[in-house]
Structures are given as C-alpha cells and as structure tokens.
C-alpha atoms as a PDB file:
ATOM      1  CA  MET A   1      -0.002   0.020  -0.002  1.00  0.00           C
ATOM      2  CA  SER A   2       1.543   3.341  -1.029  1.00  0.00           C
ATOM      3  CA  LEU A   3       1.401   6.404   1.270  1.00  0.00           C
ATOM      4  CA  THR A   4       1.066  10.012   0.354  1.00  0.00           C
ATOM      5  CA  ARG A   5       3.543  12.436   1.954  1.00  0.00           C
ATOM      6  CA  ARG A   6       0.750  13.621   4.268  1.00  0.00           C
ATOM      7  CA  GLN A   7      -0.009  10.091   5.382  1.00  0.00           C
ATOM      8  CA  PHE A   8       3.681   9.243   5.871  1.00  0.00           C
ATOM      9  CA  ALA A   9       4.150  12.355   8.015  1.00  0.00           C
ATOM     10  CA  ALA A  10       1.109  11.482  10.039  1.00  0.00           C
ATOM     11  CA  CYS A  11       2.267   7.892  10.518  1.00  0.00           C
ATOM     12  CA  THR A  12       5.709   9.131  11.616  1.00  0.00           C
ATOM     13  CA  ALA A  13       4.002  11.410  14.175  1.00  0.00           C
ATOM     14  CA  LEU A  14       1.882   8.479  15.306  1.00  0.00           C
ATOM     15  CA  ALA A  15       4.988   6.381  15.881  1.00  0.00           C
ATOM     16  CA  ALA A  16       6.660   9.071  17.966  1.00  0.00           C
ATOM     17  CA  THR A  17       3.500   9.833  19.942  1.00  0.00           C
ATOM     18  CA  VAL A  18       2.497   6.240  20.697  1.00  0.00           C
ATOM     19  CA  ALA A  19       6.054   5.398  21.765  1.00  0.00           C
ATOM     20  CA  HIS A  20       5.789   8.020  24.464  1.00  0.00           C
ATOM     21  CA  LEU A  21       2.238   7.340  25.712  1.00  0.00           C
ATOM     22  CA  PRO A  22       2.074   6.134  29.329  1.00  0.00           C
ATOM     23  CA  ARG A  23       0.560   2.642  29.713  1.00  0.00           C
ATOM     24  CA  GLU A  24      -2.262   2.199  32.118  1.00  0.00           C
ATOM     25  CA  GLY A  25      -2.099  -0.794  34.400  1.00  0.00           C
ATOM     26  CA  VAL A  26       1.448  -1.872  33.622  1.00  0.00           C
ATOM     27  CA  ALA A  27       2.284  -5.028  35.479  1.00  0.00           C
ATOM     28  CA  GLN A  28       5.034  -5.638  38.019  1.00  0.00           C
ATOM     29  CA  PRO A  29       6.418  -8.970  39.269  1.00  0.00           C
ATOM     30  CA  ALA A  30       4.693 -10.542  42.247  1.00  0.00           C
ATOM     31  CA  GLY A  31       4.924  -8.285  45.268  1.00  0.00           C
ATOM     32  CA  GLY A  32       5.238  -5.107  43.150  1.00  0.00           C
ATOM     33  CA  GLN A  33       2.533  -2.663  42.157  1.00  0.00           C
ATOM     34  CA  ALA A  34       1.575  -1.093  38.863  1.00  0.00           C
ATOM     35  CA  SER A  35       1.193   2.543  37.894  1.00  0.00           C
ATOM     36  CA  ALA A  36      -1.718   4.008  36.032  1.00  0.00           C
ATOM     37  CA  GLY A  37      -1.770   6.265  33.026  1.00  0.00           C
ATOM     38  CA  THR A  38      -3.948   7.099  30.045  1.00  0.00           C
ATOM     39  CA  ALA A  39      -3.805   6.660  26.274  1.00  0.00           C
ATOM     40  CA  SER A  40      -5.234  10.187  25.827  1.00  0.00           C
ATOM     41  CA  LYS A  41      -2.098  12.096  26.635  1.00  0.00           C
ATOM     42  CA  ALA A  42       0.001  12.891  23.598  1.00  0.00           C
ATOM     43  CA  ASP A  43       3.684  13.974  23.672  1.00  0.00           C
ATOM     44  CA  PRO A  44       3.702  17.781  23.193  1.00  0.00           C
ATOM     45  CA  ASP A  45       7.095  17.601  21.502  1.00  0.00           C
ATOM     46  CA  HIS A  46       5.716  16.109  18.317  1.00  0.00           C
ATOM     47  CA  ASP A  47       3.828  18.100  15.656  1.00  0.00           C
ATOM     48  CA  MET A  48       0.571  16.263  14.975  1.00  0.00           C
ATOM     49  CA  SER A  49      -0.834  18.896  12.528  1.00  0.00           C
ATOM     50  CA  SER A  50      -0.650  16.550   9.591  1.00  0.00           C
ATOM     51  CA  MET A  51      -2.596  13.738  11.351  1.00  0.00           C
ATOM     52  CA  PRO A  52      -5.878  12.792   9.741  1.00  0.00           C
ATOM     53  CA  ALA A  53      -8.748  14.002  11.965  1.00  0.00           C
ATOM     54  CA  HIS A  54     -10.251  10.531  12.318  1.00  0.00           C
ATOM     55  CA  TRP A  55      -7.052   9.260  13.982  1.00  0.00           C
ATOM     56  CA  MET A  56      -8.003  11.050  17.204  1.00  0.00           C
ATOM     57  CA  GLY A  57     -10.881   9.350  19.033  1.00  0.00           C
ATOM     58  CA  ALA A  58     -12.515   9.444  22.429  1.00  0.00           C
ATOM     59  CA  GLU A  59     -13.261   5.822  23.137  1.00  0.00           C
ATOM     60  CA  GLN A  60     -14.000   4.509  26.654  1.00  0.00           C
ATOM     61  CA  ILE A  61     -12.390   1.096  26.963  1.00  0.00           C
ATOM     62  CA  ALA A  62     -12.516  -1.268  29.923  1.00  0.00           C
ATOM     63  CA  PHE A  63     -10.518  -4.452  30.550  1.00  0.00           C
ATOM     64  CA  LEU A  64     -12.118  -6.592  33.270  1.00  0.00           C
ATOM     65  CA  ILE A  65      -9.507  -8.179  35.521  1.00  0.00           C
ATOM     66  CA  TYR A  66     -10.096 -10.703  38.304  1.00  0.00           C
ATOM     67  CA  PRO A  67      -7.889 -12.947  40.529  1.00  0.00           C
ATOM     68  CA  GLU A  68      -5.958 -15.594  38.612  1.00  0.00           C
ATOM     69  CA  PHE A  69      -6.708 -14.232  35.092  1.00  0.00           C
ATOM     70  CA  THR A  70      -4.111 -14.891  32.400  1.00  0.00           C
ATOM     71  CA  ALA A  71      -1.975 -11.775  32.100  1.00  0.00           C
ATOM     72  CA  LEU A  72      -1.074 -12.051  28.412  1.00  0.00           C
ATOM     73  CA  ASP A  73      -4.784 -12.365  27.500  1.00  0.00           C
ATOM     74  CA  MET A  74      -5.098  -8.767  28.709  1.00  0.00           C
ATOM     75  CA  VAL A  75      -1.648  -7.248  28.135  1.00  0.00           C
ATOM     76  CA  GLY A  76      -1.546  -8.049  24.362  1.00  0.00           C
ATOM     77  CA  PRO A  77      -4.782  -6.275  23.421  1.00  0.00           C
ATOM     78  CA  HIS A  78      -4.186  -3.657  26.122  1.00  0.00           C
ATOM     79  CA  TYR A  79      -0.990  -2.583  24.272  1.00  0.00           C
ATOM     80  CA  MET A  80      -2.984  -2.220  21.090  1.00  0.00           C
ATOM     81  CA  MET A  81      -5.868  -0.348  22.701  1.00  0.00           C
ATOM     82  CA  THR A  82      -3.618   2.140  24.489  1.00  0.00           C
ATOM     83  CA  SER A  83      -2.179   2.957  21.001  1.00  0.00           C
ATOM     84  CA  LEU A  84      -5.529   4.489  20.070  1.00  0.00           C
ATOM     85  CA  MET A  85      -4.934   8.212  20.356  1.00  0.00           C
ATOM     86  CA  GLY A  86      -7.637   9.901  22.391  1.00  0.00           C
ATOM     87  CA  ALA A  87      -8.899   6.705  23.978  1.00  0.00           C
ATOM     88  CA  LYS A  88      -9.278   6.223  27.715  1.00  0.00           C
ATOM     89  CA  VAL A  89      -8.381   2.703  28.854  1.00  0.00           C
ATOM     90  CA  HIS A  90      -9.540   1.412  32.240  1.00  0.00           C
ATOM     91  CA  LEU A  91      -8.462  -1.683  34.225  1.00  0.00           C
ATOM     92  CA  VAL A  92     -11.637  -2.496  36.120  1.00  0.00           C
ATOM     93  CA  ALA A  93     -12.010  -4.850  39.071  1.00  0.00           C
ATOM     94  CA  LYS A  94     -14.282  -5.352  42.014  1.00  0.00           C
ATOM     95  CA  THR A  95     -12.032  -3.200  44.260  1.00  0.00           C
ATOM     96  CA  LYS A  96      -8.868  -1.242  43.742  1.00  0.00           C
ATOM     97  CA  ASP A  97      -6.843  -3.833  45.619  1.00  0.00           C
ATOM     98  CA  PRO A  98      -3.949  -5.265  43.531  1.00  0.00           C
ATOM     99  CA  VAL A  99      -5.045  -8.244  41.348  1.00  0.00           C
ATOM    100  CA  ARG A 100      -2.693 -11.147  40.996  1.00  0.00           C
ATOM    101  CA  SER A 101      -2.651 -12.976  37.672  1.00  0.00           C
ATOM    102  CA  ASP A 102      -2.271 -16.733  37.336  1.00  0.00           C
ATOM    103  CA  THR A 103       1.499 -16.342  36.884  1.00  0.00           C
ATOM    104  CA  GLY A 104       2.002 -13.976  39.827  1.00  0.00           C
ATOM    105  CA  LEU A 105       2.079 -10.713  37.985  1.00  0.00           C
ATOM    106  CA  VAL A 106       0.280  -8.022  40.004  1.00  0.00           C
ATOM    107  CA  PHE A 107      -1.950  -5.334  38.431  1.00  0.00           C
ATOM    108  CA  VAL A 108      -3.529  -2.304  40.131  1.00  0.00           C
ATOM    109  CA  PRO A 109      -7.037  -1.549  38.883  1.00  0.00           C
ATOM    110  CA  SER A 110      -7.732   2.044  37.798  1.00  0.00           C
ATOM    111  CA  VAL A 111     -11.506   1.863  38.575  1.00  0.00           C
ATOM    112  CA  THR A 112     -13.936  -0.311  40.473  1.00  0.00           C
ATOM    113  CA  PHE A 113     -17.145  -1.712  39.107  1.00  0.00           C
ATOM    114  CA  GLU A 114     -19.036   1.249  40.504  1.00  0.00           C
ATOM    115  CA  GLU A 115     -16.569   3.792  39.040  1.00  0.00           C
ATOM    116  CA  CYS A 116     -16.391   2.308  35.534  1.00  0.00           C
ATOM    117  CA  PRO A 117     -18.130   4.364  32.894  1.00  0.00           C
ATOM    118  CA  ARG A 118     -21.602   3.056  32.293  1.00  0.00           C
ATOM    119  CA  ASP A 119     -21.539   3.355  28.521  1.00  0.00           C
ATOM    120  CA  LEU A 120     -18.403   1.818  27.092  1.00  0.00           C
ATOM    121  CA  ASP A 121     -17.153   1.663  23.509  1.00  0.00           C
ATOM    122  CA  ILE A 122     -15.258  -1.555  24.250  1.00  0.00           C
ATOM    123  CA  ILE A 123     -15.359  -4.061  27.104  1.00  0.00           C
ATOM    124  CA  CYS A 124     -12.774  -6.823  26.960  1.00  0.00           C
ATOM    125  CA  VAL A 125     -12.611  -9.909  29.150  1.00  0.00           C
ATOM    126  CA  PRO A 126      -9.399 -11.992  29.431  1.00  0.00           C
ATOM    127  CA  GLY A 127      -9.529 -15.673  30.295  1.00  0.00           C
ATOM    128  CA  GLY A 128      -7.763 -18.022  32.632  1.00  0.00           C
ATOM    129  CA  SER A 129      -8.472 -21.362  34.167  1.00  0.00           C
ATOM    130  CA  GLN A 130      -9.468 -21.723  37.886  1.00  0.00           C
ATOM    131  CA  GLY A 131      -9.715 -17.930  38.188  1.00  0.00           C
ATOM    132  CA  THR A 132     -12.188 -17.766  35.287  1.00  0.00           C
ATOM    133  CA  LEU A 133     -14.376 -20.424  36.860  1.00  0.00           C
ATOM    134  CA  ALA A 134     -14.363 -18.490  40.113  1.00  0.00           C
ATOM    135  CA  ALA A 135     -15.285 -15.342  38.291  1.00  0.00           C
ATOM    136  CA  MET A 136     -18.198 -17.108  36.597  1.00  0.00           C
ATOM    137  CA  GLU A 137     -19.647 -17.874  39.989  1.00  0.00           C
ATOM    138  CA  ASP A 138     -19.019 -14.386  41.450  1.00  0.00           C
ATOM    139  CA  GLU A 139     -22.329 -12.435  41.461  1.00  0.00           C
ATOM    140  CA  ALA A 140     -20.764  -8.922  41.492  1.00  0.00           C
ATOM    141  CA  THR A 141     -18.447  -9.728  38.589  1.00  0.00           C
ATOM    142  CA  MET A 142     -21.214 -11.273  36.467  1.00  0.00           C
ATOM    143  CA  ARG A 143     -23.706  -8.507  37.219  1.00  0.00           C
ATOM    144  CA  PHE A 144     -21.148  -5.874  36.228  1.00  0.00           C
ATOM    145  CA  LEU A 145     -20.262  -7.694  32.985  1.00  0.00           C
ATOM    146  CA  LYS A 146     -23.880  -8.223  32.055  1.00  0.00           C
ATOM    147  CA  ASP A 147     -24.710  -4.616  32.686  1.00  0.00           C
ATOM    148  CA  ARG A 148     -21.829  -2.974  30.828  1.00  0.00           C
ATOM    149  CA  GLY A 149     -21.843  -5.567  28.059  1.00  0.00           C
ATOM    150  CA  SER A 150     -25.532  -4.942  27.404  1.00  0.00           C
ATOM    151  CA  ARG A 151     -24.672  -1.371  26.234  1.00  0.00           C
ATOM    152  CA  ALA A 152     -21.074  -1.536  24.986  1.00  0.00           C
ATOM    153  CA  LYS A 153     -20.479  -0.900  21.324  1.00  0.00           C
ATOM    154  CA  TYR A 154     -18.042  -3.812  21.166  1.00  0.00           C
ATOM    155  CA  VAL A 155     -18.227  -6.814  23.403  1.00  0.00           C
ATOM    156  CA  THR A 156     -14.955  -8.728  23.304  1.00  0.00           C
ATOM    157  CA  SER A 157     -12.927 -11.443  24.943  1.00  0.00           C
ATOM    158  CA  VAL A 158      -9.647 -13.377  24.657  1.00  0.00           C
ATOM    159  CA  CYS A 159      -9.208 -17.102  25.287  1.00  0.00           C
ATOM    160  CA  THR A 160     -11.615 -18.508  27.956  1.00  0.00           C
ATOM    161  CA  GLY A 161     -12.865 -14.958  28.575  1.00  0.00           C
ATOM    162  CA  SER A 162     -15.579 -15.950  26.099  1.00  0.00           C
ATOM    163  CA  LEU A 163     -16.965 -18.335  28.775  1.00  0.00           C
ATOM    164  CA  LEU A 164     -17.533 -15.288  30.988  1.00  0.00           C
ATOM    165  CA  LEU A 165     -19.283 -13.456  28.199  1.00  0.00           C
ATOM    166  CA  GLY A 166     -21.362 -16.507  27.502  1.00  0.00           C
ATOM    167  CA  ALA A 167     -22.344 -16.977  31.161  1.00  0.00           C
ATOM    168  CA  ALA A 168     -23.438 -13.380  31.251  1.00  0.00           C
ATOM    169  CA  GLY A 169     -25.784 -13.995  28.310  1.00  0.00           C
ATOM    170  CA  LEU A 170     -23.718 -11.861  25.966  1.00  0.00           C
ATOM    171  CA  LEU A 171     -23.010 -14.490  23.262  1.00  0.00           C
ATOM    172  CA  ALA A 172     -26.457 -16.015  22.725  1.00  0.00           C
ATOM    173  CA  GLY A 173     -27.121 -16.034  18.948  1.00  0.00           C
ATOM    174  CA  TYR A 174     -23.553 -15.029  18.064  1.00  0.00           C
ATOM    175  CA  LYS A 175     -20.589 -16.870  16.525  1.00  0.00           C
ATOM    176  CA  ALA A 176     -17.649 -16.951  18.875  1.00  0.00           C
ATOM    177  CA  THR A 177     -14.368 -18.645  19.651  1.00  0.00           C
ATOM    178  CA  SER A 178     -12.364 -19.497  22.732  1.00  0.00           C
ATOM    179  CA  HIS A 179      -9.203 -21.383  23.651  1.00  0.00           C
ATOM    180  CA  TRP A 180      -9.161 -24.500  21.524  1.00  0.00           C
ATOM    181  CA  THR A 181      -9.771 -26.686  24.562  1.00  0.00           C
ATOM    182  CA  THR A 182     -12.959 -24.913  25.493  1.00  0.00           C
ATOM    183  CA  VAL A 183     -14.487 -23.709  22.196  1.00  0.00           C
ATOM    184  CA  GLU A 184     -16.889 -26.663  22.144  1.00  0.00           C
ATOM    185  CA  LEU A 185     -18.428 -25.394  25.411  1.00  0.00           C
ATOM    186  CA  LEU A 186     -19.840 -22.305  23.780  1.00  0.00           C
ATOM    187  CA  PRO A 187     -23.217 -23.859  22.749  1.00  0.00           C
ATOM    188  CA  ILE A 188     -23.989 -24.055  26.448  1.00  0.00           C
ATOM    189  CA  PHE A 189     -24.485 -20.300  26.238  1.00  0.00           C
ATOM    190  CA  GLY A 190     -26.414 -20.282  22.930  1.00  0.00           C
ATOM    191  CA  ALA A 191     -23.322 -19.345  20.928  1.00  0.00           C
ATOM    192  CA  THR A 192     -22.131 -20.943  17.667  1.00  0.00           C
ATOM    193  CA  PRO A 193     -18.531 -22.229  18.131  1.00  0.00           C
ATOM    194  CA  VAL A 194     -16.029 -21.254  15.440  1.00  0.00           C
ATOM    195  CA  GLU A 195     -12.402 -22.143  15.455  1.00  0.00           C
ATOM    196  CA  GLY A 196     -10.101 -19.231  14.618  1.00  0.00           C
ATOM    197  CA  ARG A 197      -7.735 -16.706  16.105  1.00  0.00           C
ATOM    198  CA  VAL A 198     -10.264 -13.882  15.788  1.00  0.00           C
ATOM    199  CA  VAL A 199     -14.005 -14.360  15.222  1.00  0.00           C
ATOM    200  CA  ASP A 200     -15.996 -11.225  14.386  1.00  0.00           C
ATOM    201  CA  ASP A 201     -19.810 -11.417  14.489  1.00  0.00           C
ATOM    202  CA  ARG A 202     -21.409  -7.992  14.364  1.00  0.00           C
ATOM    203  CA  ASN A 203     -20.224  -6.238  17.536  1.00  0.00           C
ATOM    204  CA  ARG A 204     -19.027  -9.427  19.235  1.00  0.00           C
ATOM    205  CA  ILE A 205     -15.299 -10.020  18.712  1.00  0.00           C
ATOM    206  CA  THR A 206     -13.720 -13.017  20.383  1.00  0.00           C
ATOM    207  CA  GLY A 207     -10.076 -14.144  20.262  1.00  0.00           C
ATOM    208  CA  GLY A 208      -8.666 -17.656  20.557  1.00  0.00           C
ATOM    209  CA  GLY A 209      -6.076 -18.707  23.091  1.00  0.00           C
ATOM    210  CA  VAL A 210      -3.780 -16.161  24.825  1.00  0.00           C
ATOM    211  CA  THR A 211      -1.603 -14.773  21.991  1.00  0.00           C
ATOM    212  CA  ALA A 212      -4.651 -14.367  19.737  1.00  0.00           C
ATOM    213  CA  GLY A 213      -5.420 -11.289  21.830  1.00  0.00           C
ATOM    214  CA  ILE A 214      -2.659  -9.479  19.992  1.00  0.00           C
ATOM    215  CA  ASP A 215      -4.259 -10.189  16.660  1.00  0.00           C
ATOM    216  CA  PHE A 216      -7.691  -9.277  18.009  1.00  0.00           C
ATOM    217  CA  GLY A 217      -6.437  -6.000  19.447  1.00  0.00           C
ATOM    218  CA  LEU A 218      -4.680  -4.994  16.223  1.00  0.00           C
ATOM    219  CA  ALA A 219      -7.726  -5.848  14.097  1.00  0.00           C
ATOM    220  CA  LEU A 220      -9.887  -3.668  16.309  1.00  0.00           C
ATOM    221  CA  VAL A 221      -7.369  -0.802  16.038  1.00  0.00           C
ATOM    222  CA  GLY A 222      -7.734  -1.020  12.278  1.00  0.00           C
ATOM    223  CA  ARG A 223     -11.512  -0.999  12.491  1.00  0.00           C
ATOM    224  CA  LEU A 224     -11.623   2.019  14.822  1.00  0.00           C
ATOM    225  CA  ARG A 225      -8.979   4.043  12.869  1.00  0.00           C
ATOM    226  CA  ASP A 226      -7.803   2.661   9.560  1.00  0.00           C
ATOM    227  CA  ARG A 227      -5.326   0.312   7.985  1.00  0.00           C
ATOM    228  CA  VAL A 228      -2.429   2.744   7.876  1.00  0.00           C
ATOM    229  CA  TYR A 229      -2.847   3.581  11.585  1.00  0.00           C
ATOM    230  CA  ALA A 230      -2.993  -0.144  12.476  1.00  0.00           C
ATOM    231  CA  GLU A 231       0.021  -0.927  10.358  1.00  0.00           C
ATOM    232  CA  GLY A 232       1.937   1.868  12.135  1.00  0.00           C
ATOM    233  CA  VAL A 233       1.013   0.369  15.513  1.00  0.00           C
ATOM    234  CA  GLN A 234       2.104  -3.063  14.248  1.00  0.00           C
ATOM    235  CA  LEU A 235       5.407  -1.711  13.084  1.00  0.00           C
ATOM    236  CA  ILE A 236       6.080   0.063  16.436  1.00  0.00           C
ATOM    237  CA  ALA A 237       5.425  -3.187  18.166  1.00  0.00           C
ATOM    238  CA  GLU A 238       7.581  -5.028  15.584  1.00  0.00           C
ATOM    239  CA  TYR A 239       4.838  -7.657  15.584  1.00  0.00           C
ATOM    240  CA  ASP A 240       6.207 -10.092  13.032  1.00  0.00           C
ATOM    241  CA  PRO A 241       6.076 -13.481  14.794  1.00  0.00           C
ATOM    242  CA  LYS A 242       8.339 -16.325  13.676  1.00  0.00           C
ATOM    243  CA  PRO A 243       7.970 -18.918  16.423  1.00  0.00           C
ATOM    244  CA  PRO A 244      10.747 -21.456  16.911  1.00  0.00           C
ATOM    245  CA  TYR A 245       8.267 -24.354  16.879  1.00  0.00           C
ATOM    246  CA  SER A 246       5.184 -25.083  14.751  1.00  0.00           C
ATOM    247  CA  ALA A 247       2.882 -26.403  17.463  1.00  0.00           C
ATOM    248  CA  GLY A 248       0.717 -23.365  18.119  1.00  0.00           C
ATOM    249  CA  SER A 249      -2.584 -24.876  17.041  1.00  0.00           C
ATOM    250  CA  PRO A 250      -4.181 -28.318  17.450  1.00  0.00           C
ATOM    251  CA  SER A 251      -3.930 -28.951  13.761  1.00  0.00           C
ATOM    252  CA  LYS A 252      -0.154 -28.257  13.699  1.00  0.00           C
ATOM    253  CA  ALA A 253       0.941 -29.761  17.027  1.00  0.00           C
ATOM    254  CA  PRO A 254       2.421 -33.287  17.093  1.00  0.00           C
ATOM    255  CA  ALA A 255      -0.118 -35.922  18.137  1.00  0.00           C
ATOM    256  CA  GLU A 256       1.698 -36.745  21.337  1.00  0.00           C
ATOM    257  CA  VAL A 257       1.711 -33.072  22.363  1.00  0.00           C
ATOM    258  CA  ARG A 258      -2.005 -32.732  21.620  1.00  0.00           C
ATOM    259  CA  THR A 259      -2.711 -35.835  23.613  1.00  0.00           C
ATOM    260  CA  LEU A 260      -0.641 -34.497  26.562  1.00  0.00           C
ATOM    261  CA  ILE A 261      -2.501 -31.165  26.651  1.00  0.00           C
ATOM    262  CA  ASP A 262      -5.925 -32.749  26.179  1.00  0.00           C
ATOM    263  CA  GLY A 263      -5.252 -34.880  29.214  1.00  0.00           C
ATOM    264  CA  MET A 264      -4.149 -31.959  31.329  1.00  0.00           C
ATOM    265  CA  PHE A 265      -7.403 -30.081  30.630  1.00  0.00           C
ATOM    266  CA  SER A 266      -9.911 -32.968  30.845  1.00  0.00           C
ATOM    267  CA  GLY A 267     -10.920 -32.264  34.457  1.00  0.00           C
ATOM    268  CA  PHE A 268     -11.097 -28.512  33.840  1.00  0.00           C
ATOM    269  CA  ILE A 269     -13.468 -28.982  30.868  1.00  0.00           C
ATOM    270  CA  VAL A 270     -15.872 -31.003  32.993  1.00  0.00           C
ATOM    271  CA  ARG A 271     -15.914 -28.363  35.676  1.00  0.00           C
ATOM    272  CA  ALA A 272     -16.177 -25.506  33.186  1.00  0.00           C
ATOM    273  CA  ALA A 273     -19.240 -27.147  31.594  1.00  0.00           C
ATOM    274  CA  GLU A 274     -20.905 -27.645  34.976  1.00  0.00           C
ATOM    275  CA  ILE A 275     -20.168 -24.105  36.236  1.00  0.00           C
ATOM    276  CA  GLY A 276     -20.980 -22.631  32.814  1.00  0.00           C
ATOM    277  CA  ARG A 277     -24.479 -24.158  32.764  1.00  0.00           C
ATOM    278  CA  ALA A 278     -25.215 -23.030  36.312  1.00  0.00           C
ATOM    279  CA  SER A 279     -23.880 -19.518  35.741  1.00  0.00           C
ATOM    280  CA  PHE A 280     -25.766 -19.081  32.492  1.00  0.00           C
ATOM    281  CA  ALA A 281     -28.960 -20.191  34.181  1.00  0.00           C
ATOM    282  CA  ARG A 282     -28.330 -17.722  37.028  1.00  0.00           C
ATOM    283  CA  PHE A 283     -26.906 -14.689  35.194  1.00  0.00           C
ATOM    284  CA  GLY A 284     -27.378 -15.201  31.481  1.00  0.00           C
ATOM    285  CA  GLN A 285     -31.112 -15.053  31.120  1.00  0.00           C
ATOM    286  CA  PRO A 286     -32.900 -11.787  30.147  1.00  0.00           C
END
C-alpha cells in the first residue's frame, strides 16, 4: 500500500506519539505494584498537525480483571488499545486492591465496578483457568459484566474470557471462539462455536487462546482508525512473529503433544461445563 507524503508524516508522528504514551495498568512482578496512566495524553514535543482528523478518538475502553486471570490475555490487546490516540483505557475490578494474575504478575485496577463508565465503547474480558471459573460464580463480577456488556459498542474477549461473556448471556445467537480446549463449550451459552484466532460477528469479537489477543487488538485498532494507523502500531510493536516451533494450534501440534494437553485439561473442561451451565442459568437469562 503506497502512502502520500501527508499520510507518511502522520504515521511518523503516530509512531513518535504512541512510543511516548504512558501505559495504564502496567504489570510488576509478584509483590510489586503497577502505575496508572492514560492513552489520551500525547507527547507535546511532536507536531501532529498533519494527522488525519479521524485518527483522534474518544473511546472509553474497559478491561475486566479478576484474581488468577491470564496476564497475556489482557496485556496483548491492552498494548494495542492504548495505542488508540484519544482513547481512555480502564483496568476495572471489584475493588482497587492489587489483582494477581495466574502467573504471579500483579496489576492495580484504575477503577472499580461502580466507578467504571456506564456506557463503554469496548469491554474486553481476558480468560484463565481456575480464576475464570471462580469469576463465573461471582455475582458482583457477572452482574457488572452483564450490565456494561448490554450497552457496550463492542463486546470482546480473549481465550476463555468468552466463557464469562457466555455465562453473562452476551453471546447467545452469536458466533464466537475461545481457547481450543474450550471452544466446544460455547453452545452451552447459545453461541455458535467457530475455530479461529479472531471471530467477528457484528459487535461481538472473540479471540482464541492467549496470543490471539494481540491479533484481536490489532484488528480492532484497524476498525476504529484505519489500516495505515493499524500498520503503524504493528510496526512500532515489531509484531512479526516467527515462532521457533510449529505447534501453536491443534492442527499443527504433534499428536503426542495434543494428547498431553488434552489430558491436562480434561478435568477442567468437565468443571467448566458444569459451572458454565449453572452460571448461564443464574446470570445469562434476560
């Protein structure tokens, strides 16, 4: 795709600006705390006069975090969303107490359920394993998700976060995906399961397992701005994956590896189905 001089100058300004934006909810190792910032503060040292007007937005974006969620489910798309100039990105949790991920990274929420804006442009739910099941049974978490998700312009998830969306009644009648081990549970919630890294059905956008959140986030950046903007964000991130192994999907992984992982998750799938049905009956109905 060729760029005009004006577009090139704007993209250069974008790169300089995004590189200097503070990141809200940056994680620290276990025992540490995170600092908060906003994606709406631009670096005053860079001339943005050539930037297309539609590159500046005013989105309200919320990432729901809860104990034992998977950090990369959130951090990947969070990086992309905080690259949206003018957007305000919130890390929302039940309280402002630090939230520990399933690998021990600690995040400090920026808003509580009560403080989170009522009308969001995007709500995004990361997944996990035991923490996700606990969140599905937590009334405050599910009531918050059902309320904000009912009005959000885009309702999104990464990995098993789609189980939380489903339990809240937000995927009924939609195509959706999840981690490959749990995608077949989606019909419990009235959703149509689709295998894929990013599944887009109207305003429901769901990502596959963990790293798919990066793809999902970048795709949404392109939708909310344009392709040139998204490609600039991709270039700043140097997102050009070349993994050392080709085992990143069930179809590519060696049979013995697939069998190993299937066995590890068998008990979790049974519990997720049981809790999913109960949670959907409790929270997911109109």
